[in-house]
Amino acid sequence: MTSLHNILTMILNIAVFFVFAHVIMSWLINFQVLNIRQPLVAQLWYGLNRLLEPVYAPIRRRMPAMGGLDLTPLIVLIVLYSLQVILENNRGAFA
């Protein structure tokens, strides 16, 4: 059962990495450091969007309009870190 705990922790860590990568890429694209017309950048950007949009969409529907500010990745990160804390606090259940 310890291996199940390790696998779940790894999945949560990968999800956090993807959210951070998406946020940083969006900043770099908006500040015109990265160009979306470059094939590699476009593939990474659209791939991350396809991966994270099913997670972001339900949260965006429930969030109030904040102008141009999107707090959805912050909410997702809070949920992911909360799941990590819950998983660590229940580590004994996996022993």
PDB file of N, CA and C in Angstrom:
ATOM      1  N   MET A   1       0.810  -1.198   0.000  1.00  0.00           N
ATOM      2  CA  MET A   1       0.000   0.000   0.000  1.00  0.00           C
ATOM      3  C   MET A   1       0.857   1.268   0.000  1.00  0.00           C
ATOM      4  N   THR A   2       2.087   1.144   0.459  1.00  0.00           N
ATOM      5  CA  THR A   2       2.973   2.308   0.435  1.00  0.00           C
ATOM      6  C   THR A   2       3.220   2.755  -0.995  1.00  0.00           C
ATOM      7  N   SER A   3       3.286   1.794  -1.897  1.00  0.00           N
ATOM      8  CA  SER A   3       3.500   2.150  -3.299  1.00  0.00           C
ATOM      9  C   SER A   3       2.307   2.935  -3.850  1.00  0.00           C
ATOM     10  N   LEU A   4       1.090   2.635  -3.401  1.00  0.00           N
ATOM     11  CA  LEU A   4      -0.083   3.398  -3.819  1.00  0.00           C
ATOM     12  C   LEU A   4       0.026   4.845  -3.347  1.00  0.00           C
ATOM     13  N   HIS A   5       0.482   5.031  -2.113  1.00  0.00           N
ATOM     14  CA  HIS A   5       0.701   6.378  -1.588  1.00  0.00           C
ATOM     15  C   HIS A   5       1.732   7.118  -2.432  1.00  0.00           C
ATOM     16  N   ASN A   6       2.819   6.454  -2.777  1.00  0.00           N
ATOM     17  CA  ASN A   6       3.862   7.078  -3.595  1.00  0.00           C
ATOM     18  C   ASN A   6       3.354   7.437  -4.982  1.00  0.00           C
ATOM     19  N   ILE A   7       2.546   6.586  -5.567  1.00  0.00           N
ATOM     20  CA  ILE A   7       1.991   6.847  -6.897  1.00  0.00           C
ATOM     21  C   ILE A   7       1.052   8.043  -6.856  1.00  0.00           C
ATOM     22  N   LEU A   8       0.178   8.099  -5.855  1.00  0.00           N
ATOM     23  CA  LEU A   8      -0.743   9.235  -5.732  1.00  0.00           C
ATOM     24  C   LEU A   8       0.018  10.540  -5.494  1.00  0.00           C
ATOM     25  N   THR A   9       1.063  10.496  -4.682  1.00  0.00           N
ATOM     26  CA  THR A   9       1.884  11.682  -4.441  1.00  0.00           C
ATOM     27  C   THR A   9       2.560  12.133  -5.732  1.00  0.00           C
ATOM     28  N   MET A  10       3.069  11.198  -6.504  1.00  0.00           N
ATOM     29  CA  MET A  10       3.724  11.533  -7.769  1.00  0.00           C
ATOM     30  C   MET A  10       2.726  12.154  -8.749  1.00  0.00           C
ATOM     31  N   ILE A  11       1.520  11.628  -8.821  1.00  0.00           N
ATOM     32  CA  ILE A  11       0.499  12.179  -9.716  1.00  0.00           C
ATOM     33  C   ILE A  11       0.149  13.605  -9.318  1.00  0.00           C
ATOM     34  N   LEU A  12       0.018  13.855  -8.027  1.00  0.00           N
ATOM     35  CA  LEU A  12      -0.272  15.211  -7.565  1.00  0.00           C
ATOM     36  C   LEU A  12       0.879  16.159  -7.874  1.00  0.00           C
ATOM     37  N   ASN A  13       2.116  15.690  -7.721  1.00  0.00           N
ATOM     38  CA  ASN A  13       3.281  16.525  -8.038  1.00  0.00           C
ATOM     39  C   ASN A  13       3.333  16.859  -9.527  1.00  0.00           C
ATOM     40  N   ILE A  14       3.011  15.913 -10.367  1.00  0.00           N
ATOM     41  CA  ILE A  14       3.002  16.156 -11.815  1.00  0.00           C
ATOM     42  C   ILE A  14       1.904  17.153 -12.170  1.00  0.00           C
ATOM     43  N   ALA A  15       0.743  17.030 -11.531  1.00  0.00           N
ATOM     44  CA  ALA A  15      -0.353  17.968 -11.795  1.00  0.00           C
ATOM     45  C   ALA A  15       0.042  19.387 -11.389  1.00  0.00           C
ATOM     46  N   VAL A  16       0.706  19.535 -10.257  1.00  0.00           N
ATOM     47  CA  VAL A  16       1.184  20.854  -9.817  1.00  0.00           C
ATOM     48  C   VAL A  16       2.181  21.411 -10.827  1.00  0.00           C
ATOM     49  N   PHE A  17       3.084  20.566 -11.312  1.00  0.00           N
ATOM     50  CA  PHE A  17       4.054  21.003 -12.312  1.00  0.00           C
ATOM     51  C   PHE A  17       3.355  21.503 -13.578  1.00  0.00           C
ATOM     52  N   PHE A  18       2.340  20.787 -14.045  1.00  0.00           N
ATOM     53  CA  PHE A  18       1.625  21.212 -15.250  1.00  0.00           C
ATOM     54  C   PHE A  18       0.936  22.557 -15.054  1.00  0.00           C
ATOM     55  N   VAL A  19       0.343  22.770 -13.890  1.00  0.00           N
ATOM     56  CA  VAL A  19      -0.324  24.052 -13.629  1.00  0.00           C
ATOM     57  C   VAL A  19       0.703  25.178 -13.606  1.00  0.00           C
ATOM     58  N   PHE A  20       1.829  24.966 -12.915  1.00  0.00           N
ATOM     59  CA  PHE A  20       2.872  25.990 -12.894  1.00  0.00           C
ATOM     60  C   PHE A  20       3.419  26.261 -14.292  1.00  0.00           C
ATOM     61  N   ALA A  21       3.634  25.212 -15.076  1.00  0.00           N
ATOM     62  CA  ALA A  21       4.128  25.394 -16.443  1.00  0.00           C
ATOM     63  C   ALA A  21       3.138  26.194 -17.279  1.00  0.00           C
ATOM     64  N   HIS A  22       1.859  25.932 -17.111  1.00  0.00           N
ATOM     65  CA  HIS A  22       0.822  26.657 -17.863  1.00  0.00           C
ATOM     66  C   HIS A  22       0.793  28.131 -17.468  1.00  0.00           C
ATOM     67  N   VAL A  23       0.884  28.421 -16.180  1.00  0.00           N
ATOM     68  CA  VAL A  23       0.867  29.808 -15.713  1.00  0.00           C
ATOM     69  C   VAL A  23       2.103  30.559 -16.226  1.00  0.00           C
ATOM     70  N   ILE A  24       3.266  29.952 -16.095  1.00  0.00           N
ATOM     71  CA  ILE A  24       4.489  30.618 -16.545  1.00  0.00           C
ATOM     72  C   ILE A  24       4.473  30.823 -18.053  1.00  0.00           C
ATOM     73  N   MET A  25       4.006  29.825 -18.784  1.00  0.00           N
ATOM     74  CA  MET A  25       3.923  29.977 -20.244  1.00  0.00           C
ATOM     75  C   MET A  25       2.953  31.077 -20.625  1.00  0.00           C
ATOM     76  N   SER A  26       1.832  31.188 -19.918  1.00  0.00           N
ATOM     77  CA  SER A  26       0.867  32.238 -20.253  1.00  0.00           C
ATOM     78  C   SER A  26       1.471  33.615 -20.006  1.00  0.00           C
ATOM     79  N   TRP A  27       2.249  33.762 -18.933  1.00  0.00           N
ATOM     80  CA  TRP A  27       2.930  35.038 -18.689  1.00  0.00           C
ATOM     81  C   TRP A  27       3.926  35.341 -19.796  1.00  0.00           C
ATOM     82  N   LEU A  28       4.720  34.339 -20.174  1.00  0.00           N
ATOM     83  CA  LEU A  28       5.737  34.557 -21.205  1.00  0.00           C
ATOM     84  C   LEU A  28       5.111  34.884 -22.559  1.00  0.00           C
ATOM     85  N   ILE A  29       3.978  34.280 -22.846  1.00  0.00           N
ATOM     86  CA  ILE A  29       3.279  34.586 -24.107  1.00  0.00           C
ATOM     87  C   ILE A  29       2.682  35.985 -24.050  1.00  0.00           C
ATOM     88  N   ASN A  30       2.071  36.353 -22.929  1.00  0.00           N
ATOM     89  CA  ASN A  30       1.463  37.676 -22.812  1.00  0.00           C
ATOM     90  C   ASN A  30       2.490  38.794 -22.828  1.00  0.00           C
ATOM     91  N   PHE A  31       3.691  38.550 -22.297  1.00  0.00           N
ATOM     92  CA  PHE A  31       4.743  39.555 -22.322  1.00  0.00           C
ATOM     93  C   PHE A  31       5.610  39.449 -23.579  1.00  0.00           C
ATOM     94  N   GLN A  32       5.178  38.631 -24.526  1.00  0.00           N
ATOM     95  CA  GLN A  32       5.802  38.462 -25.839  1.00  0.00           C
ATOM     96  C   GLN A  32       7.248  37.989 -25.759  1.00  0.00           C
ATOM     97  N   VAL A  33       7.546  37.193 -24.744  1.00  0.00           N
ATOM     98  CA  VAL A  33       8.840  36.534 -24.665  1.00  0.00           C
ATOM     99  C   VAL A  33       8.804  35.287 -25.530  1.00  0.00           C
ATOM    100  N   LEU A  34       7.676  34.580 -25.485  1.00  0.00           N
ATOM    101  CA  LEU A  34       7.454  33.420 -26.353  1.00  0.00           C
ATOM    102  C   LEU A  34       6.469  33.812 -27.444  1.00  0.00           C
ATOM    103  N   ASN A  35       6.687  33.251 -28.612  1.00  0.00           N
ATOM    104  CA  ASN A  35       5.816  33.522 -29.751  1.00  0.00           C
ATOM    105  C   ASN A  35       4.999  32.271 -30.037  1.00  0.00           C
ATOM    106  N   ILE A  36       3.695  32.405 -30.060  1.00  0.00           N
ATOM    107  CA  ILE A  36       2.793  31.271 -30.268  1.00  0.00           C
ATOM    108  C   ILE A  36       2.888  30.729 -31.696  1.00  0.00           C
ATOM    109  N   ARG A  37       3.495  31.497 -32.594  1.00  0.00           N
ATOM    110  CA  ARG A  37       3.634  31.026 -33.975  1.00  0.00           C
ATOM    111  C   ARG A  37       4.801  30.061 -34.169  1.00  0.00           C
ATOM    112  N   GLN A  38       5.625  29.900 -33.145  1.00  0.00           N
ATOM    113  CA  GLN A  38       6.692  28.902 -33.211  1.00  0.00           C
ATOM    114  C   GLN A  38       6.075  27.529 -32.964  1.00  0.00           C
ATOM    115  N   PRO A  39       6.426  26.541 -33.777  1.00  0.00           N
ATOM    116  CA  PRO A  39       5.756  25.234 -33.685  1.00  0.00           C
ATOM    117  C   PRO A  39       5.873  24.567 -32.311  1.00  0.00           C
ATOM    118  N   LEU A  40       7.052  24.577 -31.708  1.00  0.00           N
ATOM    119  CA  LEU A  40       7.226  23.919 -30.412  1.00  0.00           C
ATOM    120  C   LEU A  40       6.426  24.632 -29.319  1.00  0.00           C
ATOM    121  N   VAL A  41       6.467  25.952 -29.324  1.00  0.00           N
ATOM    122  CA  VAL A  41       5.713  26.728 -28.334  1.00  0.00           C
ATOM    123  C   VAL A  41       4.219  26.484 -28.518  1.00  0.00           C
ATOM    124  N   ALA A  42       3.765  26.469 -29.761  1.00  0.00           N
ATOM    125  CA  ALA A  42       2.343  26.240 -30.037  1.00  0.00           C
ATOM    126  C   ALA A  42       1.914  24.851 -29.572  1.00  0.00           C
ATOM    127  N   GLN A  43       2.736  23.840 -29.836  1.00  0.00           N
ATOM    128  CA  GLN A  43       2.385  22.485 -29.405  1.00  0.00           C
ATOM    129  C   GLN A  43       2.304  22.388 -27.890  1.00  0.00           C
ATOM    130  N   LEU A  44       3.284  22.958 -27.199  1.00  0.00           N
ATOM    131  CA  LEU A  44       3.256  22.923 -25.742  1.00  0.00           C
ATOM    132  C   LEU A  44       2.057  23.688 -25.185  1.00  0.00           C
ATOM    133  N   TRP A  45       1.800  24.874 -25.748  1.00  0.00           N
ATOM    134  CA  TRP A  45       0.709  25.705 -25.255  1.00  0.00           C
ATOM    135  C   TRP A  45      -0.643  25.041 -25.462  1.00  0.00           C
ATOM    136  N   TYR A  46      -0.889  24.554 -26.670  1.00  0.00           N
ATOM    137  CA  TYR A  46      -2.182  23.925 -26.942  1.00  0.00           C
ATOM    138  C   TYR A  46      -2.328  22.596 -26.211  1.00  0.00           C
ATOM    139  N   GLY A  47      -1.222  21.890 -26.034  1.00  0.00           N
ATOM    140  CA  GLY A  47      -1.267  20.649 -25.263  1.00  0.00           C
ATOM    141  C   GLY A  47      -1.628  20.895 -23.807  1.00  0.00           C
ATOM    142  N   LEU A  48      -0.989  21.911 -23.195  1.00  0.00           N
ATOM    143  CA  LEU A  48      -1.325  22.248 -21.815  1.00  0.00           C
ATOM    144  C   LEU A  48      -2.753  22.745 -21.695  1.00  0.00           C
ATOM    145  N   ASN A  49      -3.210  23.516 -22.678  1.00  0.00           N
ATOM    146  CA  ASN A  49      -4.602  23.990 -22.655  1.00  0.00           C
ATOM    147  C   ASN A  49      -5.578  22.824 -22.736  1.00  0.00           C
ATOM    148  N   ARG A  50      -5.317  21.868 -23.623  1.00  0.00           N
ATOM    149  CA  ARG A  50      -6.214  20.711 -23.741  1.00  0.00           C
ATOM    150  C   ARG A  50      -6.193  19.863 -22.480  1.00  0.00           C
ATOM    151  N   LEU A  51      -5.050  19.822 -21.814  1.00  0.00           N
ATOM    152  CA  LEU A  51      -4.921  19.019 -20.604  1.00  0.00           C
ATOM    153  C   LEU A  51      -5.603  19.681 -19.402  1.00  0.00           C
ATOM    154  N   LEU A  52      -5.480  20.992 -19.278  1.00  0.00           N
ATOM    155  CA  LEU A  52      -5.957  21.678 -18.086  1.00  0.00           C
ATOM    156  C   LEU A  52      -7.337  22.310 -18.225  1.00  0.00           C
ATOM    157  N   GLU A  53      -7.801  22.520 -19.431  1.00  0.00           N
ATOM    158  CA  GLU A  53      -9.113  23.163 -19.599  1.00  0.00           C
ATOM    159  C   GLU A  53     -10.254  22.367 -18.971  1.00  0.00           C
ATOM    160  N   PRO A  54     -10.277  21.029 -19.042  1.00  0.00           N
ATOM    161  CA  PRO A  54     -11.355  20.299 -18.340  1.00  0.00           C
ATOM    162  C   PRO A  54     -11.337  20.505 -16.817  1.00  0.00           C
ATOM    163  N   VAL A  55     -10.165  20.821 -16.275  1.00  0.00           N
ATOM    164  CA  VAL A  55     -10.067  21.095 -14.844  1.00  0.00           C
ATOM    165  C   VAL A  55     -10.471  22.540 -14.561  1.00  0.00           C
ATOM    166  N   TYR A  56     -10.049  23.457 -15.413  1.00  0.00           N
ATOM    167  CA  TYR A  56     -10.321  24.882 -15.207  1.00  0.00           C
ATOM    168  C   TYR A  56     -11.778  25.257 -15.481  1.00  0.00           C
ATOM    169  N   ALA A  57     -12.414  24.646 -16.456  1.00  0.00           N
ATOM    170  CA  ALA A  57     -13.747  25.065 -16.916  1.00  0.00           C
ATOM    171  C   ALA A  57     -14.800  25.068 -15.807  1.00  0.00           C
ATOM    172  N   PRO A  58     -14.944  24.006 -15.007  1.00  0.00           N
ATOM    173  CA  PRO A  58     -15.980  24.057 -13.955  1.00  0.00           C
ATOM    174  C   PRO A  58     -15.703  25.141 -12.906  1.00  0.00           C
ATOM    175  N   ILE A  59     -14.431  25.392 -12.636  1.00  0.00           N
ATOM    176  CA  ILE A  59     -14.087  26.421 -11.656  1.00  0.00           C
ATOM    177  C   ILE A  59     -14.376  27.798 -12.224  1.00  0.00           C
ATOM    178  N   ARG A  60     -14.058  28.012 -13.499  1.00  0.00           N
ATOM    179  CA  ARG A  60     -14.309  29.310 -14.133  1.00  0.00           C
ATOM    180  C   ARG A  60     -15.797  29.636 -14.182  1.00  0.00           C
ATOM    181  N   ARG A  61     -16.640  28.612 -14.353  1.00  0.00           N
ATOM    182  CA  ARG A  61     -18.089  28.858 -14.387  1.00  0.00           C
ATOM    183  C   ARG A  61     -18.605  29.359 -13.049  1.00  0.00           C
ATOM    184  N   ARG A  62     -17.989  28.923 -11.957  1.00  0.00           N
ATOM    185  CA  ARG A  62     -18.450  29.301 -10.625  1.00  0.00           C
ATOM    186  C   ARG A  62     -17.777  30.567 -10.086  1.00  0.00           C
ATOM    187  N   MET A  63     -16.682  30.987 -10.712  1.00  0.00           N
ATOM    188  CA  MET A  63     -15.954  32.169 -10.235  1.00  0.00           C
ATOM    189  C   MET A  63     -16.642  33.440 -10.725  1.00  0.00           C
ATOM    190  N   PRO A  64     -16.686  34.471  -9.890  1.00  0.00           N
ATOM    191  CA  PRO A  64     -17.247  35.751 -10.360  1.00  0.00           C
ATOM    192  C   PRO A  64     -16.290  36.413 -11.348  1.00  0.00           C
ATOM    193  N   ALA A  65     -16.814  37.307 -12.160  1.00  0.00           N
ATOM    194  CA  ALA A  65     -15.990  38.018 -13.133  1.00  0.00           C
ATOM    195  C   ALA A  65     -15.006  38.919 -12.388  1.00  0.00           C
ATOM    196  N   MET A  66     -13.732  38.789 -12.731  1.00  0.00           N
ATOM    197  CA  MET A  66     -12.683  39.562 -12.064  1.00  0.00           C
ATOM    198  C   MET A  66     -11.979  40.497 -13.045  1.00  0.00           C
ATOM    199  N   GLY A  67     -12.639  40.869 -14.119  1.00  0.00           N
ATOM    200  CA  GLY A  67     -11.978  41.681 -15.128  1.00  0.00           C
ATOM    201  C   GLY A  67     -11.066  40.803 -15.962  1.00  0.00           C
ATOM    202  N   GLY A  68      -9.806  41.174 -16.062  1.00  0.00           N
ATOM    203  CA  GLY A  68      -8.852  40.385 -16.839  1.00  0.00           C
ATOM    204  C   GLY A  68      -8.050  39.422 -15.995  1.00  0.00           C
ATOM    205  N   LEU A  69      -8.387  39.288 -14.721  1.00  0.00           N
ATOM    206  CA  LEU A  69      -7.623  38.454 -13.805  1.00  0.00           C
ATOM    207  C   LEU A  69      -8.261  37.072 -13.691  1.00  0.00           C
ATOM    208  N   ASP A  70      -7.462  36.040 -13.954  1.00  0.00           N
ATOM    209  CA  ASP A  70      -7.940  34.662 -13.870  1.00  0.00           C
ATOM    210  C   ASP A  70      -7.291  33.989 -12.669  1.00  0.00           C
ATOM    211  N   LEU A  71      -8.076  33.730 -11.648  1.00  0.00           N
ATOM    212  CA  LEU A  71      -7.570  33.099 -10.435  1.00  0.00           C
ATOM    213  C   LEU A  71      -7.778  31.589 -10.425  1.00  0.00           C
ATOM    214  N   THR A  72      -8.221  31.044 -11.528  1.00  0.00           N
ATOM    215  CA  THR A  72      -8.505  29.607 -11.605  1.00  0.00           C
ATOM    216  C   THR A  72      -7.275  28.749 -11.303  1.00  0.00           C
ATOM    217  N   PRO A  73      -6.090  29.050 -11.872  1.00  0.00           N
ATOM    218  CA  PRO A  73      -4.930  28.220 -11.523  1.00  0.00           C
ATOM    219  C   PRO A  73      -4.594  28.258 -10.031  1.00  0.00           C
ATOM    220  N   LEU A  74      -4.823  29.407  -9.393  1.00  0.00           N
ATOM    221  CA  LEU A  74      -4.574  29.502  -7.955  1.00  0.00           C
ATOM    222  C   LEU A  74      -5.512  28.578  -7.180  1.00  0.00           C
ATOM    223  N   ILE A  75      -6.777  28.535  -7.566  1.00  0.00           N
ATOM    224  CA  ILE A  75      -7.749  27.649  -6.919  1.00  0.00           C
ATOM    225  C   ILE A  75      -7.338  26.190  -7.123  1.00  0.00           C
ATOM    226  N   VAL A  76      -6.920  25.860  -8.338  1.00  0.00           N
ATOM    227  CA  VAL A  76      -6.500  24.480  -8.633  1.00  0.00           C
ATOM    228  C   VAL A  76      -5.280  24.117  -7.797  1.00  0.00           C
ATOM    229  N   LEU A  77      -4.318  25.031  -7.669  1.00  0.00           N
ATOM    230  CA  LEU A  77      -3.133  24.755  -6.853  1.00  0.00           C
ATOM    231  C   LEU A  77      -3.496  24.574  -5.383  1.00  0.00           C
ATOM    232  N   ILE A  78      -4.414  25.365  -4.884  1.00  0.00           N
ATOM    233  CA  ILE A  78      -4.853  25.207  -3.490  1.00  0.00           C
ATOM    234  C   ILE A  78      -5.489  23.833  -3.281  1.00  0.00           C
ATOM    235  N   VAL A  79      -6.308  23.420  -4.233  1.00  0.00           N
ATOM    236  CA  VAL A  79      -6.937  22.093  -4.134  1.00  0.00           C
ATOM    237  C   VAL A  79      -5.884  20.987  -4.194  1.00  0.00           C
ATOM    238  N   LEU A  80      -4.929  21.112  -5.111  1.00  0.00           N
ATOM    239  CA  LEU A  80      -3.887  20.079  -5.238  1.00  0.00           C
ATOM    240  C   LEU A  80      -3.030  20.002  -3.980  1.00  0.00           C
ATOM    241  N   TYR A  81      -2.649  21.154  -3.433  1.00  0.00           N
ATOM    242  CA  TYR A  81      -1.854  21.136  -2.204  1.00  0.00           C
ATOM    243  C   TYR A  81      -2.668  20.621  -1.022  1.00  0.00           C
ATOM    244  N   SER A  82      -3.961  20.902  -1.000  1.00  0.00           N
ATOM    245  CA  SER A  82      -4.820  20.363   0.051  1.00  0.00           C
ATOM    246  C   SER A  82      -4.888  18.844  -0.040  1.00  0.00           C
ATOM    247  N   LEU A  83      -4.994  18.331  -1.255  1.00  0.00           N
ATOM    248  CA  LEU A  83      -5.000  16.876  -1.440  1.00  0.00           C
ATOM    249  C   LEU A  83      -3.673  16.257  -1.001  1.00  0.00           C
ATOM    250  N   GLN A  84      -2.569  16.952  -1.252  1.00  0.00           N
ATOM    251  CA  GLN A  84      -1.270  16.446  -0.798  1.00  0.00           C
ATOM    252  C   GLN A  84      -1.198  16.396   0.719  1.00  0.00           C
ATOM    253  N   VAL A  85      -1.712  17.423   1.388  1.00  0.00           N
ATOM    254  CA  VAL A  85      -1.706  17.448   2.852  1.00  0.00           C
ATOM    255  C   VAL A  85      -2.578  16.324   3.400  1.00  0.00           C
ATOM    256  N   ILE A  86      -3.746  16.145   2.817  1.00  0.00           N
ATOM    257  CA  ILE A  86      -4.640  15.061   3.255  1.00  0.00           C
ATOM    258  C   ILE A  86      -3.969  13.711   3.056  1.00  0.00           C
ATOM    259  N   LEU A  87      -3.303  13.536   1.936  1.00  0.00           N
ATOM    260  CA  LEU A  87      -2.617  12.281   1.643  1.00  0.00           C
ATOM    261  C   LEU A  87      -1.486  12.031   2.640  1.00  0.00           C
ATOM    262  N   GLU A  88      -0.721  13.077   2.970  1.00  0.00           N
ATOM    263  CA  GLU A  88       0.375  12.924   3.922  1.00  0.00           C
ATOM    264  C   GLU A  88      -0.147  12.660   5.337  1.00  0.00           C
ATOM    265  N   ASN A  89      -1.233  13.314   5.712  1.00  0.00           N
ATOM    266  CA  ASN A  89      -1.777  13.101   7.056  1.00  0.00           C
ATOM    267  C   ASN A  89      -2.389  11.717   7.225  1.00  0.00           C
ATOM    268  N   ASN A  90      -2.769  11.096   6.133  1.00  0.00           N
ATOM    269  CA  ASN A  90      -3.344   9.739   6.177  1.00  0.00           C
ATOM    270  C   ASN A  90      -2.359   8.692   5.685  1.00  0.00           C
ATOM    271  N   ARG A  91      -1.095   8.993   5.774  1.00  0.00           N
ATOM    272  CA  ARG A  91      -0.063   8.060   5.313  1.00  0.00           C
ATOM    273  C   ARG A  91      -0.150   6.726   6.046  1.00  0.00           C
ATOM    274  N   GLY A  92      -0.551   6.756   7.302  1.00  0.00           N
ATOM    275  CA  GLY A  92      -0.656   5.528   8.088  1.00  0.00           C
ATOM    276  C   GLY A  92      -1.690   4.555   7.527  1.00  0.00           C
ATOM    277  N   ALA A  93      -2.681   5.072   6.836  1.00  0.00           N
ATOM    278  CA  ALA A  93      -3.712   4.203   6.246  1.00  0.00           C
ATOM    279  C   ALA A  93      -3.151   3.393   5.090  1.00  0.00           C
ATOM    280  N   PHE A  94      -2.028   3.837   4.534  1.00  0.00           N
ATOM    281  CA  PHE A  94      -1.426   3.120   3.412  1.00  0.00           C
ATOM    282  C   PHE A  94      -0.376   2.116   3.856  1.00  0.00           C
ATOM    283  N   ALA A  95      -0.112   2.031   5.142  1.00  0.00           N
ATOM    284  CA  ALA A  95       0.928   1.128   5.638  1.00  0.00           C
ATOM    285  C   ALA A  95       0.469  -0.301   5.713  1.00  0.00           C
TER     286      ALA A  95
END
